Amino acid sequence: MKFVLNSFCVAATLFLALHAGAAFAQATPVVGTIGITSEEILVVAKGWSIKKDILGKDVYNEANEKVGTIGDIIVTPVKAMSYAIVGTGGFLGIAEHDVVIPVSQLTIKDKRVLLPGATKEAVKAMPAFKYSE
């Protein structure tokens, strides 16, 4: 249940970050109820699915070179910012170097996740990310 809720929150946050709220400005909120309007549902349905489109996907640069793999998406409680945890190096998750990439720097083109301007060496040189305990 927690994963589903987190996935929904991340997907909604990604949509908001990528589409600057233009569609939301036109939708009339439903007063006195929870959830979103039917117009907003149509907009959300066109957004990225964390589970389908992002998690576990390889990340490539514009030269079609693999620079890492997305292992997680984190949404911060302050300002609802989204970050991808991208692992590089290592084998089957062993000795992998995890780094943080703002989701706003990622794009999806032809069902591939792209990080323009990245190289495997540049990603490996970034500070390592470790989860807090």
N, C-alpha and C. Protein backbone atom coordinates (compact mmCIF):
# COMPACT_ATOMS: atom_id res chain seq x y z
N MET A 1 0.83 -1.18 0.00
CA MET A 1 0.00 0.00 0.00
C MET A 1 0.88 1.25 0.00
N LYS A 2 1.96 1.20 0.82
CA LYS A 2 2.86 2.35 0.91
C LYS A 2 3.51 2.63 -0.45
N PHE A 3 3.93 1.55 -1.18
CA PHE A 3 4.56 1.71 -2.48
C PHE A 3 3.58 2.33 -3.47
N VAL A 4 2.33 1.88 -3.44
CA VAL A 4 1.32 2.41 -4.36
C VAL A 4 1.09 3.88 -4.08
N LEU A 5 0.95 4.23 -2.79
CA LEU A 5 0.75 5.63 -2.43
C LEU A 5 1.95 6.47 -2.83
N ASN A 6 3.16 5.95 -2.56
CA ASN A 6 4.37 6.68 -2.94
C ASN A 6 4.45 6.84 -4.45
N SER A 7 4.12 5.78 -5.20
CA SER A 7 4.15 5.85 -6.66
C SER A 7 3.18 6.91 -7.17
N PHE A 8 1.99 6.94 -6.60
CA PHE A 8 1.01 7.94 -7.03
C PHE A 8 1.51 9.35 -6.74
N CYS A 9 2.06 9.55 -5.53
CA CYS A 9 2.56 10.88 -5.16
C CYS A 9 3.70 11.32 -6.08
N VAL A 10 4.60 10.39 -6.39
CA VAL A 10 5.72 10.72 -7.25
C VAL A 10 5.23 11.03 -8.66
N ALA A 11 4.30 10.22 -9.17
CA ALA A 11 3.78 10.47 -10.51
C ALA A 11 3.10 11.83 -10.59
N ALA A 12 2.31 12.16 -9.56
CA ALA A 12 1.64 13.47 -9.56
C ALA A 12 2.66 14.60 -9.49
N THR A 13 3.70 14.43 -8.67
CA THR A 13 4.73 15.45 -8.54
C THR A 13 5.49 15.63 -9.85
N LEU A 14 5.83 14.52 -10.50
CA LEU A 14 6.53 14.60 -11.78
C LEU A 14 5.70 15.36 -12.80
N PHE A 15 4.43 15.05 -12.84
CA PHE A 15 3.57 15.73 -13.79
C PHE A 15 3.57 17.22 -13.53
N LEU A 16 3.40 17.61 -12.26
CA LEU A 16 3.35 19.03 -11.93
C LEU A 16 4.65 19.73 -12.30
N ALA A 17 5.76 19.07 -12.03
CA ALA A 17 7.05 19.67 -12.33
C ALA A 17 7.27 19.84 -13.83
N LEU A 18 6.75 18.89 -14.61
CA LEU A 18 7.01 18.92 -16.05
C LEU A 18 6.02 19.75 -16.85
N HIS A 19 4.83 19.95 -16.32
CA HIS A 19 3.82 20.62 -17.11
C HIS A 19 3.35 21.94 -16.54
N ALA A 20 4.01 22.47 -15.57
CA ALA A 20 3.86 23.84 -15.06
C ALA A 20 2.44 24.27 -14.74
N GLY A 21 1.57 23.35 -14.50
CA GLY A 21 0.25 23.67 -13.97
C GLY A 21 -0.73 24.33 -14.92
N ALA A 22 -0.42 24.42 -16.21
CA ALA A 22 -1.34 25.10 -17.13
C ALA A 22 -2.69 24.41 -17.18
N ALA A 23 -2.70 23.11 -17.20
CA ALA A 23 -3.97 22.39 -17.26
C ALA A 23 -4.74 22.52 -15.96
N PHE A 24 -4.05 22.58 -14.85
CA PHE A 24 -4.73 22.69 -13.57
C PHE A 24 -5.40 24.05 -13.39
N ALA A 25 -4.85 25.07 -14.00
CA ALA A 25 -5.43 26.40 -13.88
C ALA A 25 -6.82 26.46 -14.50
N GLN A 26 -7.12 25.59 -15.44
CA GLN A 26 -8.40 25.59 -16.11
C GLN A 26 -9.44 24.72 -15.43
N ALA A 27 -9.00 23.74 -14.62
CA ALA A 27 -9.94 22.81 -14.00
C ALA A 27 -10.56 23.43 -12.76
N THR A 28 -11.85 23.26 -12.61
CA THR A 28 -12.55 23.77 -11.44
C THR A 28 -12.47 22.72 -10.34
N PRO A 29 -11.92 23.08 -9.17
CA PRO A 29 -11.82 22.09 -8.10
C PRO A 29 -13.21 21.71 -7.58
N VAL A 30 -13.31 20.49 -7.13
CA VAL A 30 -14.56 20.01 -6.54
C VAL A 30 -14.54 20.40 -5.07
N VAL A 31 -15.46 21.27 -4.67
CA VAL A 31 -15.49 21.78 -3.30
C VAL A 31 -16.17 20.76 -2.39
N GLY A 32 -15.56 20.51 -1.25
CA GLY A 32 -16.17 19.64 -0.26
C GLY A 32 -15.93 18.16 -0.49
N THR A 33 -15.09 17.80 -1.43
CA THR A 33 -14.77 16.38 -1.65
C THR A 33 -13.27 16.21 -1.68
N ILE A 34 -12.86 14.95 -1.63
CA ILE A 34 -11.43 14.68 -1.74
C ILE A 34 -11.14 14.19 -3.15
N GLY A 35 -9.87 14.13 -3.51
CA GLY A 35 -9.50 13.65 -4.83
C GLY A 35 -9.31 14.79 -5.80
N ILE A 36 -9.41 14.44 -7.08
CA ILE A 36 -9.19 15.42 -8.13
C ILE A 36 -10.39 15.42 -9.08
N THR A 37 -10.45 16.44 -9.93
CA THR A 37 -11.55 16.55 -10.87
C THR A 37 -11.35 15.59 -12.03
N SER A 38 -12.41 15.36 -12.80
CA SER A 38 -12.31 14.47 -13.95
C SER A 38 -11.37 15.05 -15.00
N GLU A 39 -11.29 16.37 -15.10
CA GLU A 39 -10.35 17.00 -16.03
C GLU A 39 -8.91 16.72 -15.60
N GLU A 40 -8.65 16.77 -14.30
CA GLU A 40 -7.30 16.49 -13.80
C GLU A 40 -6.92 15.04 -14.02
N ILE A 41 -7.89 14.12 -13.92
CA ILE A 41 -7.61 12.70 -14.15
C ILE A 41 -7.08 12.50 -15.57
N LEU A 42 -7.67 13.17 -16.53
CA LEU A 42 -7.21 13.06 -17.92
C LEU A 42 -5.78 13.55 -18.08
N VAL A 43 -5.44 14.62 -17.36
CA VAL A 43 -4.09 15.17 -17.42
C VAL A 43 -3.09 14.23 -16.74
N VAL A 44 -3.44 13.70 -15.57
CA VAL A 44 -2.56 12.79 -14.84
C VAL A 44 -2.30 11.53 -15.66
N ALA A 45 -3.31 11.04 -16.35
CA ALA A 45 -3.17 9.82 -17.15
C ALA A 45 -2.12 9.97 -18.25
N LYS A 46 -1.80 11.20 -18.65
CA LYS A 46 -0.80 11.44 -19.69
C LYS A 46 0.61 11.60 -19.11
N GLY A 47 0.74 11.56 -17.79
CA GLY A 47 2.04 11.74 -17.14
C GLY A 47 2.86 10.46 -17.12
N TRP A 48 4.04 10.53 -16.52
CA TRP A 48 4.93 9.38 -16.39
C TRP A 48 4.42 8.48 -15.28
N SER A 49 4.55 7.19 -15.47
CA SER A 49 4.28 6.22 -14.42
C SER A 49 5.63 5.82 -13.84
N ILE A 50 5.81 6.03 -12.56
CA ILE A 50 7.08 5.68 -11.93
C ILE A 50 7.34 4.18 -12.10
N LYS A 51 6.34 3.39 -11.83
CA LYS A 51 6.48 1.93 -11.91
C LYS A 51 6.73 1.47 -13.34
N LYS A 52 5.98 1.99 -14.31
CA LYS A 52 6.09 1.54 -15.70
C LYS A 52 7.22 2.20 -16.47
N ASP A 53 7.40 3.49 -16.30
CA ASP A 53 8.30 4.26 -17.16
C ASP A 53 9.67 4.58 -16.57
N ILE A 54 9.83 4.48 -15.25
CA ILE A 54 11.05 5.00 -14.64
C ILE A 54 11.85 3.94 -13.87
N LEU A 55 11.25 3.33 -12.85
CA LEU A 55 12.00 2.43 -11.96
C LEU A 55 12.64 1.26 -12.70
N GLY A 56 13.91 1.05 -12.41
CA GLY A 56 14.64 -0.06 -13.00
C GLY A 56 15.10 0.17 -14.43
N LYS A 57 14.78 1.32 -14.99
CA LYS A 57 15.16 1.61 -16.38
C LYS A 57 16.59 2.10 -16.45
N ASP A 58 17.25 1.74 -17.54
CA ASP A 58 18.59 2.24 -17.80
C ASP A 58 18.50 3.71 -18.21
N VAL A 59 19.55 4.46 -17.89
CA VAL A 59 19.63 5.88 -18.23
C VAL A 59 20.72 6.03 -19.28
N TYR A 60 20.39 6.75 -20.35
CA TYR A 60 21.32 6.95 -21.46
C TYR A 60 21.58 8.44 -21.67
N ASN A 61 22.71 8.74 -22.30
CA ASN A 61 22.96 10.11 -22.73
C ASN A 61 22.52 10.24 -24.19
N GLU A 62 22.69 11.42 -24.77
CA GLU A 62 22.22 11.64 -26.13
C GLU A 62 23.05 10.87 -27.17
N ALA A 63 24.21 10.33 -26.78
CA ALA A 63 25.03 9.51 -27.68
C ALA A 63 24.65 8.03 -27.56
N ASN A 64 23.55 7.75 -26.86
CA ASN A 64 23.03 6.39 -26.67
C ASN A 64 23.96 5.51 -25.84
N GLU A 65 24.75 6.13 -24.95
CA GLU A 65 25.63 5.39 -24.05
C GLU A 65 24.93 5.25 -22.70
N LYS A 66 24.91 4.05 -22.15
CA LYS A 66 24.29 3.83 -20.84
C LYS A 66 25.17 4.46 -19.77
N VAL A 67 24.54 5.29 -18.91
CA VAL A 67 25.29 5.97 -17.85
C VAL A 67 24.86 5.51 -16.47
N GLY A 68 23.81 4.71 -16.37
CA GLY A 68 23.35 4.22 -15.07
C GLY A 68 21.97 3.60 -15.17
N THR A 69 21.42 3.26 -14.00
CA THR A 69 20.10 2.64 -13.89
C THR A 69 19.35 3.30 -12.75
N ILE A 70 18.07 3.60 -12.96
CA ILE A 70 17.27 4.24 -11.91
C ILE A 70 16.83 3.18 -10.91
N GLY A 71 17.27 3.36 -9.67
CA GLY A 71 16.94 2.41 -8.61
C GLY A 71 15.82 2.88 -7.71
N ASP A 72 15.56 4.19 -7.68
CA ASP A 72 14.55 4.72 -6.77
C ASP A 72 14.18 6.13 -7.21
N ILE A 73 13.03 6.58 -6.74
CA ILE A 73 12.60 7.97 -6.90
C ILE A 73 12.26 8.46 -5.50
N ILE A 74 12.78 9.61 -5.13
CA ILE A 74 12.52 10.18 -3.81
C ILE A 74 11.80 11.50 -3.98
N VAL A 75 10.71 11.68 -3.22
CA VAL A 75 9.98 12.93 -3.19
C VAL A 75 10.23 13.55 -1.82
N THR A 76 10.77 14.75 -1.81
CA THR A 76 11.03 15.41 -0.54
C THR A 76 9.74 16.00 0.00
N PRO A 77 9.59 16.05 1.32
CA PRO A 77 8.37 16.62 1.88
C PRO A 77 8.29 18.14 1.72
N VAL A 78 9.43 18.78 1.57
CA VAL A 78 9.46 20.23 1.40
C VAL A 78 9.43 20.54 -0.10
N LYS A 79 8.45 21.30 -0.53
CA LYS A 79 8.29 21.72 -1.92
C LYS A 79 8.06 20.55 -2.87
N ALA A 80 7.88 19.33 -2.37
CA ALA A 80 7.59 18.15 -3.19
C ALA A 80 8.52 18.03 -4.39
N MET A 81 9.80 18.15 -4.16
CA MET A 81 10.80 17.99 -5.21
C MET A 81 11.05 16.50 -5.42
N SER A 82 11.29 16.09 -6.65
CA SER A 82 11.53 14.69 -6.97
C SER A 82 12.96 14.50 -7.45
N TYR A 83 13.57 13.41 -7.00
CA TYR A 83 14.94 13.08 -7.36
C TYR A 83 15.03 11.61 -7.72
N ALA A 84 15.81 11.30 -8.75
CA ALA A 84 16.07 9.92 -9.13
C ALA A 84 17.37 9.49 -8.50
N ILE A 85 17.37 8.27 -7.95
CA ILE A 85 18.61 7.68 -7.46
C ILE A 85 19.11 6.79 -8.60
N VAL A 86 20.25 7.19 -9.17
CA VAL A 86 20.81 6.49 -10.33
C VAL A 86 22.07 5.77 -9.89
N GLY A 87 22.11 4.47 -10.16
CA GLY A 87 23.27 3.66 -9.82
C GLY A 87 24.13 3.44 -11.05
N THR A 88 25.43 3.50 -10.86
CA THR A 88 26.36 3.24 -11.95
C THR A 88 27.53 2.43 -11.41
N GLY A 89 28.24 1.78 -12.32
CA GLY A 89 29.33 0.90 -11.90
C GLY A 89 28.75 -0.35 -11.28
N GLY A 90 29.53 -1.18 -10.72
CA GLY A 90 29.03 -2.36 -10.04
C GLY A 90 28.43 -3.39 -10.99
N PHE A 91 28.04 -4.52 -10.39
CA PHE A 91 27.46 -5.63 -11.14
C PHE A 91 26.34 -6.21 -10.30
N LEU A 92 25.13 -6.25 -10.86
CA LEU A 92 23.95 -6.77 -10.16
C LEU A 92 23.74 -6.08 -8.82
N GLY A 93 23.99 -4.79 -8.78
CA GLY A 93 23.76 -4.01 -7.56
C GLY A 93 24.90 -4.05 -6.56
N ILE A 94 25.94 -4.86 -6.81
CA ILE A 94 27.08 -4.96 -5.90
C ILE A 94 28.12 -3.93 -6.31
N ALA A 95 28.61 -3.16 -5.34
CA ALA A 95 29.60 -2.10 -5.56
C ALA A 95 29.08 -1.01 -6.48
N GLU A 96 27.77 -0.83 -6.51
CA GLU A 96 27.18 0.21 -7.34
C GLU A 96 27.33 1.56 -6.65
N HIS A 97 27.55 2.58 -7.43
CA HIS A 97 27.71 3.96 -6.95
C HIS A 97 26.40 4.69 -7.22
N ASP A 98 25.62 4.97 -6.16
CA ASP A 98 24.34 5.67 -6.31
C ASP A 98 24.54 7.17 -6.20
N VAL A 99 23.89 7.90 -7.10
CA VAL A 99 23.94 9.37 -7.10
C VAL A 99 22.52 9.91 -7.21
N VAL A 100 22.37 11.19 -6.92
CA VAL A 100 21.06 11.84 -6.98
C VAL A 100 21.00 12.74 -8.21
N ILE A 101 19.93 12.56 -9.00
CA ILE A 101 19.70 13.38 -10.18
C ILE A 101 18.31 13.99 -10.06
N PRO A 102 18.17 15.31 -10.15
CA PRO A 102 16.82 15.89 -10.15
C PRO A 102 16.01 15.32 -11.32
N VAL A 103 14.78 14.92 -11.05
CA VAL A 103 13.93 14.35 -12.10
C VAL A 103 13.75 15.33 -13.24
N SER A 104 13.79 16.61 -12.96
CA SER A 104 13.62 17.62 -14.01
C SER A 104 14.72 17.56 -15.06
N GLN A 105 15.86 16.91 -14.75
CA GLN A 105 16.95 16.78 -15.72
C GLN A 105 16.77 15.57 -16.64
N LEU A 106 15.83 14.69 -16.31
CA LEU A 106 15.57 13.50 -17.11
C LEU A 106 14.49 13.77 -18.15
N THR A 107 14.61 13.09 -19.27
CA THR A 107 13.55 13.12 -20.28
C THR A 107 13.29 11.69 -20.73
N ILE A 108 12.10 11.45 -21.28
CA ILE A 108 11.80 10.15 -21.86
C ILE A 108 11.55 10.36 -23.34
N LYS A 109 12.31 9.62 -24.15
CA LYS A 109 12.17 9.71 -25.60
C LYS A 109 12.22 8.29 -26.15
N ASP A 110 11.21 7.94 -26.91
CA ASP A 110 11.14 6.59 -27.49
C ASP A 110 11.28 5.52 -26.41
N LYS A 111 10.59 5.72 -25.29
CA LYS A 111 10.56 4.79 -24.15
C LYS A 111 11.92 4.60 -23.49
N ARG A 112 12.84 5.54 -23.71
CA ARG A 112 14.16 5.50 -23.06
C ARG A 112 14.30 6.71 -22.17
N VAL A 113 14.93 6.50 -21.02
CA VAL A 113 15.20 7.59 -20.09
C VAL A 113 16.53 8.21 -20.48
N LEU A 114 16.52 9.51 -20.72
CA LEU A 114 17.72 10.23 -21.16
C LEU A 114 18.17 11.24 -20.11
N LEU A 115 19.48 11.34 -19.94
CA LEU A 115 20.09 12.37 -19.12
C LEU A 115 21.10 13.10 -20.01
N PRO A 116 20.63 14.13 -20.71
CA PRO A 116 21.49 14.83 -21.67
C PRO A 116 22.77 15.36 -21.02
N GLY A 117 23.88 15.22 -21.73
CA GLY A 117 25.15 15.74 -21.27
C GLY A 117 25.90 14.84 -20.30
N ALA A 118 25.31 13.72 -19.91
CA ALA A 118 25.94 12.84 -18.92
C ALA A 118 26.91 11.88 -19.58
N THR A 119 27.92 11.50 -18.83
CA THR A 119 28.80 10.39 -19.20
C THR A 119 28.89 9.48 -17.99
N LYS A 120 29.26 8.24 -18.21
CA LYS A 120 29.39 7.30 -17.10
C LYS A 120 30.45 7.82 -16.11
N GLU A 121 31.51 8.39 -16.62
CA GLU A 121 32.58 8.91 -15.76
C GLU A 121 32.08 10.08 -14.93
N ALA A 122 31.29 10.97 -15.53
CA ALA A 122 30.77 12.12 -14.80
C ALA A 122 29.81 11.68 -13.70
N VAL A 123 28.98 10.68 -13.99
CA VAL A 123 28.06 10.17 -12.97
C VAL A 123 28.83 9.51 -11.84
N LYS A 124 29.85 8.72 -12.17
CA LYS A 124 30.68 8.08 -11.13
C LYS A 124 31.41 9.10 -10.27
N ALA A 125 31.74 10.26 -10.84
CA ALA A 125 32.47 11.30 -10.10
C ALA A 125 31.57 12.10 -9.16
N MET A 126 30.24 11.96 -9.28
CA MET A 126 29.31 12.69 -8.41
C MET A 126 29.37 12.14 -6.99
N PRO A 127 29.01 12.96 -6.00
CA PRO A 127 28.99 12.47 -4.62
C PRO A 127 28.02 11.29 -4.47
N ALA A 128 28.42 10.31 -3.68
CA ALA A 128 27.58 9.12 -3.47
C ALA A 128 26.38 9.46 -2.61
N PHE A 129 25.26 8.82 -2.91
CA PHE A 129 24.02 8.97 -2.10
C PHE A 129 23.90 7.77 -1.18
N LYS A 130 23.59 8.05 0.08
CA LYS A 130 23.31 7.00 1.06
C LYS A 130 22.01 7.35 1.75
N TYR A 131 21.13 6.36 1.90
CA TYR A 131 19.86 6.58 2.59
C TYR A 131 20.12 6.87 4.07
N SER A 132 19.31 7.76 4.65
CA SER A 132 19.42 8.01 6.09
C SER A 132 18.77 6.84 6.82
N GLU A 133 19.21 6.62 8.02
CA GLU A 133 18.67 5.46 8.78
C GLU A 133 17.52 5.83 9.62
